[in-house]
Amino acid sequence: MRLVVIAIGRLKQGPERELAERYRTRFDDIGRKLGFRGLDIHELSESRAREAPTRMAEEAAAILAAIPDKSVLVTMDERGNNIDSAAFARHLGQWRDQSIANAVFVIGGADGLSPDLRRKEKLAMAFGAATWPHQMVRVMLLEQFYRAATILAGHPYHRA
């Protein structure tokens, strides 16, 4: 199974990008041994429409166009479920074992994700009730991919 992150907006050079790359590399190293075929990140441009509903619809269309066939969709949404790292690892392991081709994780733009897109989700995830900058959500998601892989591998990184 391949993991795919589709994010509205670009992660600029700096400490967030460096940390994201560190976790991506760590995941790739251990993930391949666990049957994960890699981790792709697609950055999509923010809509320039004046009205929020139009921006959300345009961004949703771009996101949907980037989702590969045979994918399970996970949205990163502040209204989503707060799942712990072990449960997250179980989700990834189950999808991998079910031969799901791609697990696609979507990080929306400043206005959030359109209701039409959210209706297609298999899982909505949140990193707590707080609103996080999109750059931080991406870093935290990549860290959770790495942590999930270490849990599945029985590696001591996750000690909870």
C-alpha atoms as a PDB file:
ATOM      1  CA  MET A   1       0.000   0.000   0.000  1.00  0.00           C
ATOM      2  CA  ARG A   2       1.176   3.477  -0.835  1.00  0.00           C
ATOM      3  CA  LEU A   3       0.504   6.422   1.478  1.00  0.00           C
ATOM      4  CA  VAL A   4      -0.418   9.664  -0.248  1.00  0.00           C
ATOM      5  CA  VAL A   5      -0.708  13.103   1.325  1.00  0.00           C
ATOM      6  CA  ILE A   6      -2.613  15.695  -0.684  1.00  0.00           C
ATOM      7  CA  ALA A   7      -2.237  19.153   0.814  1.00  0.00           C
ATOM      8  CA  ILE A   8      -3.596  22.501  -0.229  1.00  0.00           C
ATOM      9  CA  GLY A   9      -0.693  24.931  -0.094  1.00  0.00           C
ATOM     10  CA  ARG A  10       3.038  24.531  -0.237  1.00  0.00           C
ATOM     11  CA  LEU A  11       5.449  23.862   2.596  1.00  0.00           C
ATOM     12  CA  LYS A  12       8.127  26.531   2.255  1.00  0.00           C
ATOM     13  CA  GLN A  13      11.816  26.042   2.999  1.00  0.00           C
ATOM     14  CA  GLY A  14      12.561  26.116   6.691  1.00  0.00           C
ATOM     15  CA  PRO A  15      12.374  24.034   9.848  1.00  0.00           C
ATOM     16  CA  GLU A  16       8.887  22.632   9.100  1.00  0.00           C
ATOM     17  CA  ARG A  17      10.015  21.292   5.712  1.00  0.00           C
ATOM     18  CA  GLU A  18      13.199  19.852   7.228  1.00  0.00           C
ATOM     19  CA  LEU A  19      11.257  18.082   9.971  1.00  0.00           C
ATOM     20  CA  ALA A  20       8.660  16.799   7.488  1.00  0.00           C
ATOM     21  CA  GLU A  21      11.442  15.393   5.291  1.00  0.00           C
ATOM     22  CA  ARG A  22      13.087  13.757   8.297  1.00  0.00           C
ATOM     23  CA  TYR A  23       9.912  11.845   9.186  1.00  0.00           C
ATOM     24  CA  ARG A  24       9.235  11.014   5.542  1.00  0.00           C
ATOM     25  CA  THR A  25      12.716   9.502   5.191  1.00  0.00           C
ATOM     26  CA  ARG A  26      12.355   7.592   8.458  1.00  0.00           C
ATOM     27  CA  PHE A  27       9.014   6.201   7.329  1.00  0.00           C
ATOM     28  CA  ASP A  28      10.416   5.151   3.946  1.00  0.00           C
ATOM     29  CA  ASP A  29      13.254   3.271   5.644  1.00  0.00           C
ATOM     30  CA  ILE A  30      11.039   1.175   7.903  1.00  0.00           C
ATOM     31  CA  GLY A  31       7.820   1.252   5.843  1.00  0.00           C
ATOM     32  CA  ARG A  32       9.190  -0.667   2.869  1.00  0.00           C
ATOM     33  CA  LYS A  33      10.120  -3.550   5.170  1.00  0.00           C
ATOM     34  CA  LEU A  34       6.491  -3.623   6.349  1.00  0.00           C
ATOM     35  CA  GLY A  35       4.907  -3.739   2.903  1.00  0.00           C
ATOM     36  CA  PHE A  36       4.303  -0.030   2.371  1.00  0.00           C
ATOM     37  CA  ARG A  37       5.293   0.984  -1.154  1.00  0.00           C
ATOM     38  CA  GLY A  38       6.198   4.556  -0.322  1.00  0.00           C
ATOM     39  CA  LEU A  39       4.903   7.940   0.660  1.00  0.00           C
ATOM     40  CA  ASP A  40       3.924  10.560  -1.912  1.00  0.00           C
ATOM     41  CA  ILE A  41       3.145  14.188  -1.130  1.00  0.00           C
ATOM     42  CA  HIS A  42       1.145  16.276  -3.589  1.00  0.00           C
ATOM     43  CA  GLU A  43       0.967  20.005  -2.939  1.00  0.00           C
ATOM     44  CA  LEU A  44      -1.929  21.767  -4.645  1.00  0.00           C
ATOM     45  CA  SER A  45      -2.351  25.490  -5.107  1.00  0.00           C
ATOM     46  CA  GLU A  46      -4.855  27.358  -3.010  1.00  0.00           C
ATOM     47  CA  SER A  47      -7.897  28.611  -4.871  1.00  0.00           C
ATOM     48  CA  ARG A  48      -7.915  32.333  -5.562  1.00  0.00           C
ATOM     49  CA  ALA A  49     -11.702  32.603  -5.694  1.00  0.00           C
ATOM     50  CA  ARG A  50     -13.237  35.448  -3.701  1.00  0.00           C
ATOM     51  CA  GLU A  51     -15.932  33.460  -1.878  1.00  0.00           C
ATOM     52  CA  ALA A  52     -15.145  30.676   0.601  1.00  0.00           C
ATOM     53  CA  PRO A  53     -17.672  28.161  -0.813  1.00  0.00           C
ATOM     54  CA  THR A  54     -16.200  28.625  -4.292  1.00  0.00           C
ATOM     55  CA  ARG A  55     -12.650  28.242  -2.945  1.00  0.00           C
ATOM     56  CA  MET A  56     -13.630  25.042  -1.145  1.00  0.00           C
ATOM     57  CA  ALA A  57     -15.329  23.642  -4.270  1.00  0.00           C
ATOM     58  CA  GLU A  58     -12.342  24.451  -6.501  1.00  0.00           C
ATOM     59  CA  GLU A  59      -9.907  22.925  -4.018  1.00  0.00           C
ATOM     60  CA  ALA A  60     -12.118  19.830  -3.652  1.00  0.00           C
ATOM     61  CA  ALA A  61     -12.121  19.358  -7.441  1.00  0.00           C
ATOM     62  CA  ALA A  62      -8.313  19.572  -7.500  1.00  0.00           C
ATOM     63  CA  ILE A  63      -8.043  17.123  -4.591  1.00  0.00           C
ATOM     64  CA  LEU A  64     -10.438  14.628  -6.181  1.00  0.00           C
ATOM     65  CA  ALA A  65      -8.482  14.783  -9.436  1.00  0.00           C
ATOM     66  CA  ALA A  66      -5.289  13.885  -7.535  1.00  0.00           C
ATOM     67  CA  ILE A  67      -6.719  10.841  -5.721  1.00  0.00           C
ATOM     68  CA  PRO A  68      -5.562   7.599  -7.349  1.00  0.00           C
ATOM     69  CA  ASP A  69      -8.017   4.790  -8.086  1.00  0.00           C
ATOM     70  CA  LYS A  70      -8.512   2.116  -5.414  1.00  0.00           C
ATOM     71  CA  SER A  71      -7.878   4.500  -2.541  1.00  0.00           C
ATOM     72  CA  VAL A  72      -9.225   4.892   0.950  1.00  0.00           C
ATOM     73  CA  LEU A  73      -9.720   8.570   1.817  1.00  0.00           C
ATOM     74  CA  VAL A  74      -8.785  10.059   5.190  1.00  0.00           C
ATOM     75  CA  THR A  75      -9.485  13.715   5.834  1.00  0.00           C
ATOM     76  CA  MET A  76      -7.600  15.773   8.359  1.00  0.00           C
ATOM     77  CA  ASP A  77     -10.412  17.763   9.945  1.00  0.00           C
ATOM     78  CA  GLU A  78     -10.773  19.440  13.326  1.00  0.00           C
ATOM     79  CA  ARG A  79     -14.196  17.737  13.606  1.00  0.00           C
ATOM     80  CA  GLY A  80     -12.569  14.359  13.028  1.00  0.00           C
ATOM     81  CA  ASN A  81     -11.850  11.531  15.425  1.00  0.00           C
ATOM     82  CA  ASN A  82      -9.036  11.855  17.925  1.00  0.00           C
ATOM     83  CA  ILE A  83      -7.433   8.452  17.586  1.00  0.00           C
ATOM     84  CA  ASP A  84      -4.341   7.359  19.428  1.00  0.00           C
ATOM     85  CA  SER A  85      -1.177   6.238  17.691  1.00  0.00           C
ATOM     86  CA  ALA A  86      -1.810   2.516  18.254  1.00  0.00           C
ATOM     87  CA  ALA A  87      -5.280   2.785  16.668  1.00  0.00           C
ATOM     88  CA  PHE A  88      -3.812   4.741  13.765  1.00  0.00           C
ATOM     89  CA  ALA A  89      -1.224   1.991  13.264  1.00  0.00           C
ATOM     90  CA  ARG A  90      -4.030  -0.597  13.300  1.00  0.00           C
ATOM     91  CA  HIS A  91      -5.900   1.317  10.567  1.00  0.00           C
ATOM     92  CA  LEU A  92      -2.809   1.428   8.367  1.00  0.00           C
ATOM     93  CA  GLY A  93      -2.015  -2.227   9.026  1.00  0.00           C
ATOM     94  CA  GLN A  94      -5.580  -3.340   8.255  1.00  0.00           C
ATOM     95  CA  TRP A  95      -5.741  -1.362   5.019  1.00  0.00           C
ATOM     96  CA  ARG A  96      -2.356  -2.763   3.989  1.00  0.00           C
ATOM     97  CA  ASP A  97      -3.511  -6.301   4.826  1.00  0.00           C
ATOM     98  CA  GLN A  98      -6.744  -5.764   2.851  1.00  0.00           C
ATOM     99  CA  SER A  99      -4.588  -4.904  -0.197  1.00  0.00           C
ATOM    100  CA  ILE A 100      -5.898  -1.343  -0.379  1.00  0.00           C
ATOM    101  CA  ALA A 101      -3.750   0.243  -3.086  1.00  0.00           C
ATOM    102  CA  ASN A 102      -3.537   3.734  -1.551  1.00  0.00           C
ATOM    103  CA  ALA A 103      -4.386   5.441   1.719  1.00  0.00           C
ATOM    104  CA  VAL A 104      -4.884   9.103   0.824  1.00  0.00           C
ATOM    105  CA  PHE A 105      -4.691  11.730   3.564  1.00  0.00           C
ATOM    106  CA  VAL A 106      -6.085  15.160   2.694  1.00  0.00           C
ATOM    107  CA  ILE A 107      -5.118  18.430   4.368  1.00  0.00           C
ATOM    108  CA  GLY A 108      -7.477  21.169   3.201  1.00  0.00           C
ATOM    109  CA  GLY A 109      -7.006  24.862   2.719  1.00  0.00           C
ATOM    110  CA  ALA A 110      -7.722  27.719   5.093  1.00  0.00           C
ATOM    111  CA  ASP A 111     -11.490  27.359   4.595  1.00  0.00           C
ATOM    112  CA  GLY A 112     -11.476  23.630   5.303  1.00  0.00           C
ATOM    113  CA  LEU A 113     -12.777  20.788   3.156  1.00  0.00           C
ATOM    114  CA  SER A 114     -15.993  20.843   1.178  1.00  0.00           C
ATOM    115  CA  PRO A 115     -18.892  18.753   2.504  1.00  0.00           C
ATOM    116  CA  ASP A 116     -18.956  16.865  -0.830  1.00  0.00           C
ATOM    117  CA  LEU A 117     -15.357  15.762  -0.322  1.00  0.00           C
ATOM    118  CA  ARG A 118     -15.925  14.862   3.340  1.00  0.00           C
ATOM    119  CA  ARG A 119     -18.804  12.558   2.335  1.00  0.00           C
ATOM    120  CA  LYS A 120     -16.261  10.385   0.482  1.00  0.00           C
ATOM    121  CA  GLU A 121     -13.994   9.903   3.509  1.00  0.00           C
ATOM    122  CA  LYS A 122     -13.445   6.557   5.177  1.00  0.00           C
ATOM    123  CA  LEU A 123     -12.026   8.256   8.263  1.00  0.00           C
ATOM    124  CA  ALA A 124     -11.847  11.845   9.506  1.00  0.00           C
ATOM    125  CA  MET A 125      -8.903  12.486  11.826  1.00  0.00           C
ATOM    126  CA  ALA A 126      -8.067  15.385  14.113  1.00  0.00           C
ATOM    127  CA  PHE A 127      -5.013  16.162  16.198  1.00  0.00           C
ATOM    128  CA  GLY A 128      -7.112  17.363  19.112  1.00  0.00           C
ATOM    129  CA  ALA A 129      -9.709  20.114  19.334  1.00  0.00           C
ATOM    130  CA  ALA A 130      -7.222  22.905  18.619  1.00  0.00           C
ATOM    131  CA  THR A 131      -6.879  24.441  15.178  1.00  0.00           C
ATOM    132  CA  TRP A 132      -3.371  23.790  13.847  1.00  0.00           C
ATOM    133  CA  PRO A 133      -1.476  25.537  11.042  1.00  0.00           C
ATOM    134  CA  HIS A 134      -1.468  23.351   7.933  1.00  0.00           C
ATOM    135  CA  GLN A 135       2.337  23.117   8.028  1.00  0.00           C
ATOM    136  CA  MET A 136       2.199  21.647  11.532  1.00  0.00           C
ATOM    137  CA  VAL A 137      -0.570  19.215  10.577  1.00  0.00           C
ATOM    138  CA  ARG A 138       1.618  17.887   7.791  1.00  0.00           C
ATOM    139  CA  VAL A 139       4.613  17.445  10.107  1.00  0.00           C
ATOM    140  CA  MET A 140       2.452  15.754  12.767  1.00  0.00           C
ATOM    141  CA  LEU A 141       0.862  13.456  10.156  1.00  0.00           C
ATOM    142  CA  LEU A 142       4.256  12.404   8.805  1.00  0.00           C
ATOM    143  CA  GLU A 143       5.468  11.754  12.345  1.00  0.00           C
ATOM    144  CA  GLN A 144       2.397   9.583  12.936  1.00  0.00           C
ATOM    145  CA  PHE A 145       3.160   7.593   9.766  1.00  0.00           C
ATOM    146  CA  TYR A 146       6.642   6.911  11.127  1.00  0.00           C
ATOM    147  CA  ARG A 147       5.300   6.125  14.616  1.00  0.00           C
ATOM    148  CA  ALA A 148       2.676   3.758  13.141  1.00  0.00           C
ATOM    149  CA  ALA A 149       5.379   1.933  11.190  1.00  0.00           C
ATOM    150  CA  THR A 150       7.473   1.532  14.339  1.00  0.00           C
ATOM    151  CA  ILE A 151       4.437   0.204  16.214  1.00  0.00           C
ATOM    152  CA  LEU A 152       3.732  -2.312  13.446  1.00  0.00           C
ATOM    153  CA  ALA A 153       7.412  -3.339  13.456  1.00  0.00           C
ATOM    154  CA  GLY A 154       7.613  -3.661  17.254  1.00  0.00           C
ATOM    155  CA  HIS A 155      10.307  -0.966  17.343  1.00  0.00           C
ATOM    156  CA  PRO A 156      10.834   0.821  20.706  1.00  0.00           C
ATOM    157  CA  TYR A 157      10.253   4.366  19.296  1.00  0.00           C
ATOM    158  CA  HIS A 158       6.655   4.233  20.582  1.00  0.00           C
ATOM    159  CA  ARG A 159       6.791   3.548  24.297  1.00  0.00           C
ATOM    160  CA  ALA A 160       3.212   4.259  25.408  1.00  0.00           C
END
